[in-house]
Amino acid sequence: YYVLPVLYGERFAGRIEPVADRKAKKFIVRNFWPEKGFRQTEAFRKAL
């Protein structure tokens, strides 16, 4: 329903589905879909 494009450097890394659950006081990430061929390095994970 509500998915955001994710940029990393000069390319799109994928798309992500975050939800701000204010009642539970948590920021929930339901899904992350990497682009085909995108390698998820440790540097990318930390930046995300």
ModelCIF file with pLDDT and N, C-alpha, C, O atoms, coordinates in Angstrom:
data_MODEL
#
_entry.id   MODEL 
#
_entity.id                         1 
_entity.type                       polymer 
_entity.pdbx_number_of_molecules   1 
#
_entity_poly.entity_id                      1 
_entity_poly.type                           'polypeptide(L)' 
_entity_poly.nstd_linkage                   no 
_entity_poly.nstd_monomer                   no 
_entity_poly.pdbx_seq_one_letter_code       YYVLPVLYGERFAGRIEPVADRKAKKFIVRNFWPEKGFRQTEAFRKAL 
_entity_poly.pdbx_seq_one_letter_code_can   YYVLPVLYGERFAGRIEPVADRKAKKFIVRNFWPEKGFRQTEAFRKAL 
_entity_poly.pdbx_strand_id                 A 
#
loop_
_entity_poly_seq.entity_id 
_entity_poly_seq.num 
_entity_poly_seq.mon_id 
_entity_poly_seq.hetero 
1 1  TYR n 
1 2  TYR n 
1 3  VAL n 
1 4  LEU n 
1 5  PRO n 
1 6  VAL n 
1 7  LEU n 
1 8  TYR n 
1 9  GLY n 
1 10 GLU n 
1 11 ARG n 
1 12 PHE n 
1 13 ALA n 
1 14 GLY n 
1 15 ARG n 
1 16 ILE n 
1 17 GLU n 
1 18 PRO n 
1 19 VAL n 
1 20 ALA n 
1 21 ASP n 
1 22 ARG n 
1 23 LYS n 
1 24 ALA n 
1 25 LYS n 
1 26 LYS n 
1 27 PHE n 
1 28 ILE n 
1 29 VAL n 
1 30 ARG n 
1 31 ASN n 
1 32 PHE n 
1 33 TRP n 
1 34 PRO n 
1 35 GLU n 
1 36 LYS n 
1 37 GLY n 
1 38 PHE n 
1 39 ARG n 
1 40 GLN n 
1 41 THR n 
1 42 GLU n 
1 43 ALA n 
1 44 PHE n 
1 45 ARG n 
1 46 LYS n 
1 47 ALA n 
1 48 LEU n 
#
_struct_asym.id          A 
_struct_asym.entity_id   1 
#
loop_
_ma_qa_metric.id 
_ma_qa_metric.mode 
_ma_qa_metric.name 
_ma_qa_metric.software_group_id 
_ma_qa_metric.type 
1 global pLDDT . pLDDT 
2 local  pLDDT . pLDDT 
#
_ma_qa_metric_global.metric_id      1 
_ma_qa_metric_global.metric_value   95.85 
_ma_qa_metric_global.model_id       1 
_ma_qa_metric_global.ordinal_id     1 
#
loop_
_ma_qa_metric_local.label_asym_id 
_ma_qa_metric_local.label_comp_id 
_ma_qa_metric_local.label_seq_id 
_ma_qa_metric_local.metric_id 
_ma_qa_metric_local.metric_value 
_ma_qa_metric_local.model_id 
_ma_qa_metric_local.ordinal_id 
A TYR 1  2 91.00 1 1  
A TYR 2  2 95.00 1 2  
A VAL 3  2 97.00 1 3  
A LEU 4  2 98.00 1 4  
A PRO 5  2 98.00 1 5  
A VAL 6  2 98.00 1 6  
A LEU 7  2 98.00 1 7  
A TYR 8  2 98.00 1 8  
A GLY 9  2 96.00 1 9  
A GLU 10 2 97.00 1 10 
A ARG 11 2 97.00 1 11 
A PHE 12 2 98.00 1 12 
A ALA 13 2 97.00 1 13 
A GLY 14 2 97.00 1 14 
A ARG 15 2 97.00 1 15 
A ILE 16 2 97.00 1 16 
A GLU 17 2 97.00 1 17 
A PRO 18 2 97.00 1 18 
A VAL 19 2 96.00 1 19 
A ALA 20 2 96.00 1 20 
A ASP 21 2 95.00 1 21 
A ARG 22 2 92.00 1 22 
A LYS 23 2 92.00 1 23 
A ALA 24 2 92.00 1 24 
A LYS 25 2 93.00 1 25 
A LYS 26 2 95.00 1 26 
A PHE 27 2 96.00 1 27 
A ILE 28 2 96.00 1 28 
A VAL 29 2 97.00 1 29 
A ARG 30 2 96.00 1 30 
A ASN 31 2 95.00 1 31 
A PHE 32 2 96.00 1 32 
A TRP 33 2 96.00 1 33 
A PRO 34 2 96.00 1 34 
A GLU 35 2 96.00 1 35 
A LYS 36 2 94.00 1 36 
A GLY 37 2 93.00 1 37 
A PHE 38 2 95.00 1 38 
A ARG 39 2 94.00 1 39 
A GLN 40 2 94.00 1 40 
A THR 41 2 96.00 1 41 
A GLU 42 2 97.00 1 42 
A ALA 43 2 96.00 1 43 
A PHE 44 2 97.00 1 44 
A ARG 45 2 96.00 1 45 
A LYS 46 2 97.00 1 46 
A ALA 47 2 97.00 1 47 
A LEU 48 2 97.00 1 48 
#
loop_
_atom_site.group_PDB 
_atom_site.id 
_atom_site.type_symbol 
_atom_site.label_atom_id 
_atom_site.label_alt_id 
_atom_site.label_comp_id 
_atom_site.label_asym_id 
_atom_site.label_entity_id 
_atom_site.label_seq_id 
_atom_site.pdbx_PDB_ins_code 
_atom_site.Cartn_x 
_atom_site.Cartn_y 
_atom_site.Cartn_z 
_atom_site.occupancy 
_atom_site.B_iso_or_equiv 
_atom_site.pdbx_formal_charge 
_atom_site.auth_seq_id 
_atom_site.auth_comp_id 
_atom_site.auth_asym_id 
_atom_site.auth_atom_id 
_atom_site.pdbx_PDB_model_num 
ATOM 1   N N  . TYR A 1 1  ? 0.805  -1.220 0.000  1.00 91.00 ? 1  TYR A N  1 
ATOM 2   C CA . TYR A 1 1  ? 0.000  0.000  0.000  1.00 91.00 ? 1  TYR A CA 1 
ATOM 3   C C  . TYR A 1 1  ? 0.844  1.279  0.000  1.00 91.00 ? 1  TYR A C  1 
ATOM 4   O O  . TYR A 1 1  ? 0.561  2.207  -0.758 1.00 91.00 ? 1  TYR A O  1 
ATOM 5   N N  . TYR A 1 2  ? 1.872  1.331  0.842  1.00 95.00 ? 2  TYR A N  1 
ATOM 6   C CA . TYR A 1 2  ? 2.667  2.555  0.981  1.00 95.00 ? 2  TYR A CA 1 
ATOM 7   C C  . TYR A 1 2  ? 4.141  2.177  1.054  1.00 95.00 ? 2  TYR A C  1 
ATOM 8   O O  . TYR A 1 2  ? 4.663  1.841  2.117  1.00 95.00 ? 2  TYR A O  1 
ATOM 9   N N  . VAL A 1 3  ? 4.794  2.241  -0.090 1.00 97.00 ? 3  VAL A N  1 
ATOM 10  C CA . VAL A 1 3  ? 6.176  1.776  -0.232 1.00 97.00 ? 3  VAL A CA 1 
ATOM 11  C C  . VAL A 1 3  ? 7.037  2.925  -0.744 1.00 97.00 ? 3  VAL A C  1 
ATOM 12  O O  . VAL A 1 3  ? 6.640  3.642  -1.663 1.00 97.00 ? 3  VAL A O  1 
ATOM 13  N N  . LEU A 1 4  ? 8.210  3.097  -0.152 1.00 98.00 ? 4  LEU A N  1 
ATOM 14  C CA . LEU A 1 4  ? 9.099  4.196  -0.516 1.00 98.00 ? 4  LEU A CA 1 
ATOM 15  C C  . LEU A 1 4  ? 10.288 3.690  -1.338 1.00 98.00 ? 4  LEU A C  1 
ATOM 16  O O  . LEU A 1 4  ? 10.880 2.667  -0.994 1.00 98.00 ? 4  LEU A O  1 
ATOM 17  N N  . PRO A 1 5  ? 10.643 4.391  -2.414 1.00 98.00 ? 5  PRO A N  1 
ATOM 18  C CA . PRO A 1 5  ? 11.894 4.072  -3.119 1.00 98.00 ? 5  PRO A CA 1 
ATOM 19  C C  . PRO A 1 5  ? 13.092 4.352  -2.212 1.00 98.00 ? 5  PRO A C  1 
ATOM 20  O O  . PRO A 1 5  ? 13.083 5.308  -1.438 1.00 98.00 ? 5  PRO A O  1 
ATOM 21  N N  . VAL A 1 6  ? 14.118 3.513  -2.315 1.00 98.00 ? 6  VAL A N  1 
ATOM 22  C CA . VAL A 1 6  ? 15.325 3.657  -1.505 1.00 98.00 ? 6  VAL A CA 1 
ATOM 23  C C  . VAL A 1 6  ? 16.513 3.941  -2.414 1.00 98.00 ? 6  VAL A C  1 
ATOM 24  O O  . VAL A 1 6  ? 16.852 3.134  -3.280 1.00 98.00 ? 6  VAL A O  1 
ATOM 25  N N  . LEU A 1 7  ? 17.141 5.091  -2.210 1.00 98.00 ? 7  LEU A N  1 
ATOM 26  C CA . LEU A 1 7  ? 18.360 5.461  -2.927 1.00 98.00 ? 7  LEU A CA 1 
ATOM 27  C C  . LEU A 1 7  ? 19.578 5.087  -2.092 1.00 98.00 ? 7  LEU A C  1 
ATOM 28  O O  . LEU A 1 7  ? 19.570 5.211  -0.867 1.00 98.00 ? 7  LEU A O  1 
ATOM 29  N N  . TYR A 1 8  ? 20.628 4.626  -2.775 1.00 98.00 ? 8  TYR A N  1 
ATOM 30  C CA . TYR A 1 8  ? 21.917 4.429  -2.102 1.00 98.00 ? 8  TYR A CA 1 
ATOM 31  C C  . TYR A 1 8  ? 22.994 4.936  -3.037 1.00 98.00 ? 8  TYR A C  1 
ATOM 32  O O  . TYR A 1 8  ? 23.270 4.330  -4.072 1.00 98.00 ? 8  TYR A O  1 
ATOM 33  N N  . GLY A 1 9  ? 23.599 6.048  -2.669 1.00 96.00 ? 9  GLY A N  1 
ATOM 34  C CA . GLY A 1 9  ? 24.565 6.657  -3.574 1.00 96.00 ? 9  GLY A CA 1 
ATOM 35  C C  . GLY A 1 9  ? 23.876 7.138  -4.834 1.00 96.00 ? 9  GLY A C  1 
ATOM 36  O O  . GLY A 1 9  ? 22.962 7.960  -4.776 1.00 96.00 ? 9  GLY A O  1 
ATOM 37  N N  . GLU A 1 10 ? 24.317 6.624  -5.978 1.00 97.00 ? 10 GLU A N  1 
ATOM 38  C CA . GLU A 1 10 ? 23.807 7.092  -7.265 1.00 97.00 ? 10 GLU A CA 1 
ATOM 39  C C  . GLU A 1 10 ? 22.793 6.142  -7.882 1.00 97.00 ? 10 GLU A C  1 
ATOM 40  O O  . GLU A 1 10 ? 22.439 6.308  -9.049 1.00 97.00 ? 10 GLU A O  1 
ATOM 41  N N  . ARG A 1 11 ? 22.318 5.156  -7.140 1.00 97.00 ? 11 ARG A N  1 
ATOM 42  C CA . ARG A 1 11 ? 21.378 4.202  -7.725 1.00 97.00 ? 11 ARG A CA 1 
ATOM 43  C C  . ARG A 1 11 ? 20.242 3.887  -6.749 1.00 97.00 ? 11 ARG A C  1 
ATOM 44  O O  . ARG A 1 11 ? 20.343 4.136  -5.547 1.00 97.00 ? 11 ARG A O  1 
ATOM 45  N N  . PHE A 1 12 ? 19.172 3.338  -7.296 1.00 98.00 ? 12 PHE A N  1 
ATOM 46  C CA . PHE A 1 12 ? 18.076 2.864  -6.457 1.00 98.00 ? 12 PHE A CA 1 
ATOM 47  C C  . PHE A 1 12 ? 18.402 1.461  -5.983 1.00 98.00 ? 12 PHE A C  1 
ATOM 48  O O  . PHE A 1 12 ? 18.665 0.560  -6.780 1.00 98.00 ? 12 PHE A O  1 
ATOM 49  N N  . ALA A 1 13 ? 18.378 1.294  -4.663 1.00 97.00 ? 13 ALA A N  1 
ATOM 50  C CA . ALA A 1 13 ? 18.717 0.006  -4.060 1.00 97.00 ? 13 ALA A CA 1 
ATOM 51  C C  . ALA A 1 13 ? 17.509 -0.902 -3.934 1.00 97.00 ? 13 ALA A C  1 
ATOM 52  O O  . ALA A 1 13 ? 17.651 -2.123 -3.870 1.00 97.00 ? 13 ALA A O  1 
ATOM 53  N N  . GLY A 1 14 ? 16.320 -0.313 -3.897 1.00 97.00 ? 14 GLY A N  1 
ATOM 54  C CA . GLY A 1 14 ? 15.118 -1.117 -3.720 1.00 97.00 ? 14 GLY A CA 1 
ATOM 55  C C  . GLY A 1 14 ? 13.978 -0.263 -3.240 1.00 97.00 ? 14 GLY A C  1 
ATOM 56  O O  . GLY A 1 14 ? 13.925 0.937  -3.509 1.00 97.00 ? 14 GLY A O  1 
ATOM 57  N N  . ARG A 1 15 ? 13.058 -0.891 -2.522 1.00 97.00 ? 15 ARG A N  1 
ATOM 58  C CA . ARG A 1 15 ? 11.900 -0.184 -1.968 1.00 97.00 ? 15 ARG A CA 1 
ATOM 59  C C  . ARG A 1 15 ? 11.595 -0.764 -0.595 1.00 97.00 ? 15 ARG A C  1 
ATOM 60  O O  . ARG A 1 15 ? 11.883 -1.928 -0.317 1.00 97.00 ? 15 ARG A O  1 
ATOM 61  N N  . ILE A 1 16 ? 11.012 0.062  0.252  1.00 97.00 ? 16 ILE A N  1 
ATOM 62  C CA . ILE A 1 16 ? 10.846 -0.314 1.648  1.00 97.00 ? 16 ILE A CA 1 
ATOM 63  C C  . ILE A 1 16 ? 9.449  0.065  2.120  1.00 97.00 ? 16 ILE A C  1 
ATOM 64  O O  . ILE A 1 16 ? 8.850  1.022  1.628  1.00 97.00 ? 16 ILE A O  1 
ATOM 65  N N  . GLU A 1 17 ? 8.940  -0.699 3.079  1.00 97.00 ? 17 GLU A N  1 
ATOM 66  C CA . GLU A 1 17 ? 7.595  -0.465 3.618  1.00 97.00 ? 17 GLU A CA 1 
ATOM 67  C C  . GLU A 1 17 ? 7.685  -0.175 5.122  1.00 97.00 ? 17 GLU A C  1 
ATOM 68  O O  . GLU A 1 17 ? 7.600  -1.099 5.932  1.00 97.00 ? 17 GLU A O  1 
ATOM 69  N N  . PRO A 1 18 ? 7.855  1.088  5.500  1.00 97.00 ? 18 PRO A N  1 
ATOM 70  C CA . PRO A 1 18 ? 7.902  1.449  6.918  1.00 97.00 ? 18 PRO A CA 1 
ATOM 71  C C  . PRO A 1 18 ? 6.537  1.942  7.415  1.00 97.00 ? 18 PRO A C  1 
ATOM 72  O O  . PRO A 1 18 ? 5.752  2.499  6.648  1.00 97.00 ? 18 PRO A O  1 
ATOM 73  N N  . VAL A 1 19 ? 6.274  1.734  8.683  1.00 96.00 ? 19 VAL A N  1 
ATOM 74  C CA . VAL A 1 19 ? 5.027  2.172  9.311  1.00 96.00 ? 19 VAL A CA 1 
ATOM 75  C C  . VAL A 1 19 ? 5.355  2.786  10.664 1.00 96.00 ? 19 VAL A C  1 
ATOM 76  O O  . VAL A 1 19 ? 6.046  2.171  11.475 1.00 96.00 ? 19 VAL A O  1 
ATOM 77  N N  . ALA A 1 20 ? 4.866  3.988  10.910 1.00 96.00 ? 20 ALA A N  1 
ATOM 78  C CA . ALA A 1 20 ? 5.031  4.626  12.216 1.00 96.00 ? 20 ALA A CA 1 
ATOM 79  C C  . ALA A 1 20 ? 3.866  4.198  13.105 1.00 96.00 ? 20 ALA A C  1 
ATOM 80  O O  . ALA A 1 20 ? 2.751  4.698  12.957 1.00 96.00 ? 20 ALA A O  1 
ATOM 81  N N  . ASP A 1 21 ? 4.125  3.280  14.019 1.00 95.00 ? 21 ASP A N  1 
ATOM 82  C CA . ASP A 1 21 ? 3.100  2.789  14.946 1.00 95.00 ? 21 ASP A CA 1 
ATOM 83  C C  . ASP A 1 21 ? 3.182  3.621  16.223 1.00 95.00 ? 21 ASP A C  1 
ATOM 84  O O  . ASP A 1 21 ? 3.904  3.279  17.160 1.00 95.00 ? 21 ASP A O  1 
ATOM 85  N N  . ARG A 1 22 ? 2.435  4.709  16.242 1.00 92.00 ? 22 ARG A N  1 
ATOM 86  C CA . ARG A 1 22 ? 2.529  5.640  17.367 1.00 92.00 ? 22 ARG A CA 1 
ATOM 87  C C  . ARG A 1 22 ? 1.931  5.062  18.643 1.00 92.00 ? 22 ARG A C  1 
ATOM 88  O O  . ARG A 1 22 ? 2.366  5.402  19.743 1.00 92.00 ? 22 ARG A O  1 
ATOM 89  N N  . LYS A 1 23 ? 0.932  4.187  18.502 1.00 92.00 ? 23 LYS A N  1 
ATOM 90  C CA . LYS A 1 23 ? 0.331  3.583  19.684 1.00 92.00 ? 23 LYS A CA 1 
ATOM 91  C C  . LYS A 1 23 ? 1.329  2.676  20.391 1.00 92.00 ? 23 LYS A C  1 
ATOM 92  O O  . LYS A 1 23 ? 1.447  2.707  21.616 1.00 92.00 ? 23 LYS A O  1 
ATOM 93  N N  . ALA A 1 24 ? 2.047  1.869  19.614 1.00 92.00 ? 24 ALA A N  1 
ATOM 94  C CA . ALA A 1 24 ? 3.055  0.970  20.197 1.00 92.00 ? 24 ALA A CA 1 
ATOM 95  C C  . ALA A 1 24 ? 4.393  1.667  20.408 1.00 92.00 ? 24 ALA A C  1 
ATOM 96  O O  . ALA A 1 24 ? 5.315  1.090  20.984 1.00 92.00 ? 24 ALA A O  1 
ATOM 97  N N  . LYS A 1 25 ? 4.499  2.919  19.937 1.00 93.00 ? 25 LYS A N  1 
ATOM 98  C CA . LYS A 1 25 ? 5.721  3.714  20.057 1.00 93.00 ? 25 LYS A CA 1 
ATOM 99  C C  . LYS A 1 25 ? 6.911  3.016  19.381 1.00 93.00 ? 25 LYS A C  1 
ATOM 100 O O  . LYS A 1 25 ? 8.028  2.995  19.897 1.00 93.00 ? 25 LYS A O  1 
ATOM 101 N N  . LYS A 1 26 ? 6.620  2.448  18.203 1.00 95.00 ? 26 LYS A N  1 
ATOM 102 C CA . LYS A 1 26 ? 7.656  1.757  17.448 1.00 95.00 ? 26 LYS A CA 1 
ATOM 103 C C  . LYS A 1 26 ? 7.586  2.176  15.982 1.00 95.00 ? 26 LYS A C  1 
ATOM 104 O O  . LYS A 1 26 ? 6.512  2.463  15.454 1.00 95.00 ? 26 LYS A O  1 
ATOM 105 N N  . PHE A 1 27 ? 8.740  2.204  15.343 1.00 96.00 ? 27 PHE A N  1 
ATOM 106 C CA . PHE A 1 27 ? 8.812  2.446  13.906 1.00 96.00 ? 27 PHE A CA 1 
ATOM 107 C C  . PHE A 1 27 ? 9.077  1.084  13.258 1.00 96.00 ? 27 PHE A C  1 
ATOM 108 O O  . PHE A 1 27 ? 10.166 0.524  13.387 1.00 96.00 ? 27 PHE A O  1 
ATOM 109 N N  . ILE A 1 28 ? 8.084  0.575  12.575 1.00 96.00 ? 28 ILE A N  1 
ATOM 110 C CA . ILE A 1 28 ? 8.115  -0.805 12.089 1.00 96.00 ? 28 ILE A CA 1 
ATOM 111 C C  . ILE A 1 28 ? 8.481  -0.836 10.610 1.00 96.00 ? 28 ILE A C  1 
ATOM 112 O O  . ILE A 1 28 ? 7.949  -0.065 9.812  1.00 96.00 ? 28 ILE A O  1 
ATOM 113 N N  . VAL A 1 29 ? 9.387  -1.729 10.258 1.00 97.00 ? 29 VAL A N  1 
ATOM 114 C CA . VAL A 1 29 ? 9.724  -1.981 8.853  1.00 97.00 ? 29 VAL A CA 1 
ATOM 115 C C  . VAL A 1 29 ? 9.129  -3.336 8.485  1.00 97.00 ? 29 VAL A C  1 
ATOM 116 O O  . VAL A 1 29 ? 9.580  -4.378 8.962  1.00 97.00 ? 29 VAL A O  1 
ATOM 117 N N  . ARG A 1 30 ? 8.122  -3.305 7.642  1.00 96.00 ? 30 ARG A N  1 
ATOM 118 C CA . ARG A 1 30 ? 7.432  -4.546 7.300  1.00 96.00 ? 30 ARG A CA 1 
ATOM 119 C C  . ARG A 1 30 ? 8.168  -5.341 6.232  1.00 96.00 ? 30 ARG A C  1 
ATOM 120 O O  . ARG A 1 30 ? 8.228  -6.569 6.282  1.00 96.00 ? 30 ARG A O  1 
ATOM 121 N N  . ASN A 1 31 ? 8.727  -4.618 5.260  1.00 95.00 ? 31 ASN A N  1 
ATOM 122 C CA . ASN A 1 31 ? 9.400  -5.313 4.160  1.00 95.00 ? 31 ASN A CA 1 
ATOM 123 C C  . ASN A 1 31 ? 10.452 -4.423 3.534  1.00 95.00 ? 31 ASN A C  1 
ATOM 124 O O  . ASN A 1 31 ? 10.352 -3.197 3.563  1.00 95.00 ? 31 ASN A O  1 
ATOM 125 N N  . PHE A 1 32 ? 11.459 -5.060 2.967  1.00 96.00 ? 32 PHE A N  1 
ATOM 126 C CA . PHE A 1 32 ? 12.420 -4.400 2.095  1.00 96.00 ? 32 PHE A CA 1 
ATOM 127 C C  . PHE A 1 32 ? 12.623 -5.293 0.881  1.00 96.00 ? 32 PHE A C  1 
ATOM 128 O O  . PHE A 1 32 ? 12.931 -6.478 1.011  1.00 96.00 ? 32 PHE A O  1 
ATOM 129 N N  . TRP A 1 33 ? 12.446 -4.710 -0.304 1.00 96.00 ? 33 TRP A N  1 
ATOM 130 C CA . TRP A 1 33 ? 12.612 -5.461 -1.544 1.00 96.00 ? 33 TRP A CA 1 
ATOM 131 C C  . TRP A 1 33 ? 13.807 -4.883 -2.296 1.00 96.00 ? 33 TRP A C  1 
ATOM 132 O O  . TRP A 1 33 ? 13.685 -3.807 -2.881 1.00 96.00 ? 33 TRP A O  1 
ATOM 133 N N  . PRO A 1 34 ? 14.951 -5.552 -2.302 1.00 96.00 ? 34 PRO A N  1 
ATOM 134 C CA . PRO A 1 34 ? 16.111 -5.026 -3.039 1.00 96.00 ? 34 PRO A CA 1 
ATOM 135 C C  . PRO A 1 34 ? 15.895 -5.125 -4.540 1.00 96.00 ? 34 PRO A C  1 
ATOM 136 O O  . PRO A 1 34 ? 15.191 -6.013 -5.019 1.00 96.00 ? 34 PRO A O  1 
ATOM 137 N N  . GLU A 1 35 ? 16.506 -4.209 -5.275 1.00 96.00 ? 35 GLU A N  1 
ATOM 138 C CA . GLU A 1 35 ? 16.496 -4.293 -6.728 1.00 96.00 ? 35 GLU A CA 1 
ATOM 139 C C  . GLU A 1 35 ? 17.333 -5.491 -7.182 1.00 96.00 ? 35 GLU A C  1 
ATOM 140 O O  . GLU A 1 35 ? 18.299 -5.883 -6.528 1.00 96.00 ? 35 GLU A O  1 
ATOM 141 N N  . LYS A 1 36 ? 16.939 -6.046 -8.299 1.00 94.00 ? 36 LYS A N  1 
ATOM 142 C CA . LYS A 1 36 ? 17.666 -7.183 -8.853 1.00 94.00 ? 36 LYS A CA 1 
ATOM 143 C C  . LYS A 1 36 ? 19.128 -6.794 -9.097 1.00 94.00 ? 36 LYS A C  1 
ATOM 144 O O  . LYS A 1 36 ? 19.412 -5.783 -9.739 1.00 94.00 ? 36 LYS A O  1 
ATOM 145 N N  . GLY A 1 37 ? 20.033 -7.597 -8.584 1.00 93.00 ? 37 GLY A N  1 
ATOM 146 C CA . GLY A 1 37 ? 21.458 -7.361 -8.776 1.00 93.00 ? 37 GLY A CA 1 
ATOM 147 C C  . GLY A 1 37 ? 22.086 -6.455 -7.742 1.00 93.00 ? 37 GLY A C  1 
ATOM 148 O O  . GLY A 1 37 ? 23.300 -6.251 -7.754 1.00 93.00 ? 37 GLY A O  1 
ATOM 149 N N  . PHE A 1 38 ? 21.270 -5.899 -6.831 1.00 95.00 ? 38 PHE A N  1 
ATOM 150 C CA . PHE A 1 38 ? 21.846 -5.025 -5.813 1.00 95.00 ? 38 PHE A CA 1 
ATOM 151 C C  . PHE A 1 38 ? 22.448 -5.861 -4.690 1.00 95.00 ? 38 PHE A C  1 
ATOM 152 O O  . PHE A 1 38 ? 21.791 -6.744 -4.138 1.00 95.00 ? 38 PHE A O  1 
ATOM 153 N N  . ARG A 1 39 ? 23.694 -5.575 -4.361 1.00 94.00 ? 39 ARG A N  1 
ATOM 154 C CA . ARG A 1 39 ? 24.386 -6.320 -3.304 1.00 94.00 ? 39 ARG A CA 1 
ATOM 155 C C  . ARG A 1 39 ? 24.303 -5.531 -1.997 1.00 94.00 ? 39 ARG A C  1 
ATOM 156 O O  . ARG A 1 39 ? 24.740 -4.382 -1.922 1.00 94.00 ? 39 ARG A O  1 
ATOM 157 N N  . GLN A 1 40 ? 23.743 -6.157 -0.987 1.00 94.00 ? 40 GLN A N  1 
ATOM 158 C CA . GLN A 1 40 ? 23.525 -5.501 0.296  1.00 94.00 ? 40 GLN A CA 1 
ATOM 159 C C  . GLN A 1 40 ? 24.773 -5.651 1.173  1.00 94.00 ? 40 GLN A C  1 
ATOM 160 O O  . GLN A 1 40 ? 24.931 -6.631 1.901  1.00 94.00 ? 40 GLN A O  1 
ATOM 161 N N  . THR A 1 41 ? 25.639 -4.666 1.081  1.00 96.00 ? 41 THR A N  1 
ATOM 162 C CA . THR A 1 41 ? 26.879 -4.685 1.846  1.00 96.00 ? 41 THR A CA 1 
ATOM 163 C C  . THR A 1 41 ? 26.624 -4.252 3.285  1.00 96.00 ? 41 THR A C  1 
ATOM 164 O O  . THR A 1 41 ? 25.545 -3.758 3.613  1.00 96.00 ? 41 THR A O  1 
ATOM 165 N N  . GLU A 1 42 ? 27.613 -4.439 4.128  1.00 97.00 ? 42 GLU A N  1 
ATOM 166 C CA . GLU A 1 42 ? 27.506 -3.985 5.509  1.00 97.00 ? 42 GLU A CA 1 
ATOM 167 C C  . GLU A 1 42 ? 27.365 -2.465 5.561  1.00 97.00 ? 42 GLU A C  1 
ATOM 168 O O  . GLU A 1 42 ? 26.626 -1.936 6.391  1.00 97.00 ? 42 GLU A O  1 
ATOM 169 N N  . ALA A 1 43 ? 28.080 -1.760 4.668  1.00 96.00 ? 43 ALA A N  1 
ATOM 170 C CA . ALA A 1 43 ? 27.984 -0.303 4.621  1.00 96.00 ? 43 ALA A CA 1 
ATOM 171 C C  . ALA A 1 43 ? 26.560 0.134  4.268  1.00 96.00 ? 43 ALA A C  1 
ATOM 172 O O  . ALA A 1 43 ? 26.046 1.096  4.838  1.00 96.00 ? 43 ALA A O  1 
ATOM 173 N N  . PHE A 1 44 ? 25.928 -0.567 3.336  1.00 97.00 ? 44 PHE A N  1 
ATOM 174 C CA . PHE A 1 44 ? 24.549 -0.239 2.976  1.00 97.00 ? 44 PHE A CA 1 
ATOM 175 C C  . PHE A 1 44 ? 23.621 -0.475 4.161  1.00 97.00 ? 44 PHE A C  1 
ATOM 176 O O  . PHE A 1 44 ? 22.777 0.371  4.457  1.00 97.00 ? 44 PHE A O  1 
ATOM 177 N N  . ARG A 1 45 ? 23.760 -1.587 4.832  1.00 96.00 ? 45 ARG A N  1 
ATOM 178 C CA . ARG A 1 45 ? 22.874 -1.907 5.953  1.00 96.00 ? 45 ARG A CA 1 
ATOM 179 C C  . ARG A 1 45 ? 22.984 -0.852 7.059  1.00 96.00 ? 45 ARG A C  1 
ATOM 180 O O  . ARG A 1 45 ? 21.978 -0.447 7.642  1.00 96.00 ? 45 ARG A O  1 
ATOM 181 N N  . LYS A 1 46 ? 24.211 -0.416 7.338  1.00 97.00 ? 46 LYS A N  1 
ATOM 182 C CA . LYS A 1 46 ? 24.408 0.617  8.360  1.00 97.00 ? 46 LYS A CA 1 
ATOM 183 C C  . LYS A 1 46 ? 23.775 1.943  7.926  1.00 97.00 ? 46 LYS A C  1 
ATOM 184 O O  . LYS A 1 46 ? 23.153 2.637  8.729  1.00 97.00 ? 46 LYS A O  1 
ATOM 185 N N  . ALA A 1 47 ? 23.943 2.281  6.649  1.00 97.00 ? 47 ALA A N  1 
ATOM 186 C CA . ALA A 1 47 ? 23.364 3.526  6.142  1.00 97.00 ? 47 ALA A CA 1 
ATOM 187 C C  . ALA A 1 47 ? 21.840 3.469  6.173  1.00 97.00 ? 47 ALA A C  1 
ATOM 188 O O  . ALA A 1 47 ? 21.188 4.464  6.489  1.00 97.00 ? 47 ALA A O  1 
ATOM 189 N N  . LEU A 1 48 ? 21.273 2.319  5.848  1.00 97.00 ? 48 LEU A N  1 
ATOM 190 C CA . LEU A 1 48 ? 19.821 2.154  5.880  1.00 97.00 ? 48 LEU A CA 1 
ATOM 191 C C  . LEU A 1 48 ? 19.299 2.266  7.306  1.00 97.00 ? 48 LEU A C  1 
ATOM 192 O O  . LEU A 1 48 ? 18.095 2.153  7.534  1.00 97.00 ? 48 LEU A O  1 
#
